[in-house]
């Protein structure tokens, strides 16, 4: 899909250099993928402490049953 974007050239050049990538397209796609990964990771981190913990769960005992 062709899209025209007005990007900050200085930011794009810095990202291109830091990423060691060859094209602007590759740099933008990599940046978008990293942005998505980080956002999803932060959503998972927010779940810490919200999942109920079963005090009776014993993974070692479950291994012995196999």
C-alpha atoms as a PDB file:
ATOM      1  CA  UNK A   1       0.000   0.000   0.000  1.00  0.00           C
ATOM      2  CA  UNK A   2       1.537   3.275  -1.072  1.00  0.00           C
ATOM      3  CA  UNK A   3       1.420   5.965   1.593  1.00  0.00           C
ATOM      4  CA  UNK A   4       2.908   9.425   1.623  1.00  0.00           C
ATOM      5  CA  UNK A   5       4.178  10.537   5.015  1.00  0.00           C
ATOM      6  CA  UNK A   6       5.809  13.739   6.180  1.00  0.00           C
ATOM      7  CA  UNK A   7       8.582  12.354   8.380  1.00  0.00           C
ATOM      8  CA  UNK A   8      11.221  14.189  10.371  1.00  0.00           C
ATOM      9  CA  UNK A   9      14.345  13.670   8.236  1.00  0.00           C
ATOM     10  CA  UNK A  10      16.712  13.976  11.199  1.00  0.00           C
ATOM     11  CA  UNK A  11      14.847  11.272  13.148  1.00  0.00           C
ATOM     12  CA  UNK A  12      14.690   9.020  10.127  1.00  0.00           C
ATOM     13  CA  UNK A  13      18.396   9.443   9.393  1.00  0.00           C
ATOM     14  CA  UNK A  14      19.291   8.714  13.017  1.00  0.00           C
ATOM     15  CA  UNK A  15      17.065   5.622  13.087  1.00  0.00           C
ATOM     16  CA  UNK A  16      18.582   4.468   9.803  1.00  0.00           C
ATOM     17  CA  UNK A  17      22.095   4.814  11.238  1.00  0.00           C
ATOM     18  CA  UNK A  18      21.270   3.235  14.610  1.00  0.00           C
ATOM     19  CA  UNK A  19      19.416   0.335  13.055  1.00  0.00           C
ATOM     20  CA  UNK A  20      22.082  -0.361  10.486  1.00  0.00           C
ATOM     21  CA  UNK A  21      19.344  -0.685   7.894  1.00  0.00           C
ATOM     22  CA  UNK A  22      19.704   0.062   4.200  1.00  0.00           C
ATOM     23  CA  UNK A  23      16.437   1.743   3.245  1.00  0.00           C
ATOM     24  CA  UNK A  24      13.995   4.202   4.730  1.00  0.00           C
ATOM     25  CA  UNK A  25      11.168   1.742   4.115  1.00  0.00           C
ATOM     26  CA  UNK A  26      12.983  -0.972   6.077  1.00  0.00           C
ATOM     27  CA  UNK A  27      13.691   1.518   8.869  1.00  0.00           C
ATOM     28  CA  UNK A  28      10.056   2.621   9.172  1.00  0.00           C
ATOM     29  CA  UNK A  29       8.764  -0.969   9.064  1.00  0.00           C
ATOM     30  CA  UNK A  30      11.275  -2.043  11.727  1.00  0.00           C
ATOM     31  CA  UNK A  31      10.342   0.931  13.905  1.00  0.00           C
ATOM     32  CA  UNK A  32       6.633   0.109  13.593  1.00  0.00           C
ATOM     33  CA  UNK A  33       7.229  -3.555  14.454  1.00  0.00           C
ATOM     34  CA  UNK A  34       9.301  -2.581  17.503  1.00  0.00           C
ATOM     35  CA  UNK A  35       6.631  -0.095  18.598  1.00  0.00           C
ATOM     36  CA  UNK A  36       3.965  -2.815  18.414  1.00  0.00           C
ATOM     37  CA  UNK A  37       6.136  -5.333  20.324  1.00  0.00           C
ATOM     38  CA  UNK A  38       6.813  -2.832  23.098  1.00  0.00           C
ATOM     39  CA  UNK A  39       3.151  -1.858  23.440  1.00  0.00           C
ATOM     40  CA  UNK A  40       2.063  -5.499  23.597  1.00  0.00           C
ATOM     41  CA  UNK A  41       4.767  -6.241  26.168  1.00  0.00           C
ATOM     42  CA  UNK A  42       3.609  -3.350  28.341  1.00  0.00           C
ATOM     43  CA  UNK A  43       0.039  -4.687  28.169  1.00  0.00           C
ATOM     44  CA  UNK A  44       1.278  -8.072  29.411  1.00  0.00           C
ATOM     45  CA  UNK A  45       3.263  -6.436  32.213  1.00  0.00           C
ATOM     46  CA  UNK A  46       0.080  -4.712  33.394  1.00  0.00           C
ATOM     47  CA  UNK A  47      -1.429  -8.172  33.950  1.00  0.00           C
ATOM     48  CA  UNK A  48       1.216  -9.094  36.528  1.00  0.00           C
ATOM     49  CA  UNK A  49      -0.437  -9.546  39.877  1.00  0.00           C
ATOM     50  CA  UNK A  50      -3.937  -9.661  38.422  1.00  0.00           C
ATOM     51  CA  UNK A  51      -4.050 -13.372  37.604  1.00  0.00           C
ATOM     52  CA  UNK A  52      -5.199 -15.408  40.590  1.00  0.00           C
ATOM     53  CA  UNK A  53      -2.509 -17.665  42.033  1.00  0.00           C
ATOM     54  CA  UNK A  54      -3.357 -21.203  43.142  1.00  0.00           C
ATOM     55  CA  UNK A  55      -1.525 -21.926  46.392  1.00  0.00           C
ATOM     56  CA  UNK A  56      -2.080 -25.682  45.918  1.00  0.00           C
ATOM     57  CA  UNK A  57      -0.366 -25.801  42.508  1.00  0.00           C
ATOM     58  CA  UNK A  58       2.726 -28.014  42.636  1.00  0.00           C
ATOM     59  CA  UNK A  59       4.485 -28.382  39.296  1.00  0.00           C
ATOM     60  CA  UNK A  60       6.943 -30.915  40.731  1.00  0.00           C
ATOM     61  CA  UNK A  61       4.134 -33.208  41.823  1.00  0.00           C
ATOM     62  CA  UNK A  62       2.566 -32.919  38.364  1.00  0.00           C
ATOM     63  CA  UNK A  63       5.861 -34.033  36.765  1.00  0.00           C
ATOM     64  CA  UNK A  64       5.917 -37.150  38.941  1.00  0.00           C
ATOM     65  CA  UNK A  65       2.443 -38.139  37.768  1.00  0.00           C
ATOM     66  CA  UNK A  66       3.558 -38.518  34.149  1.00  0.00           C
END
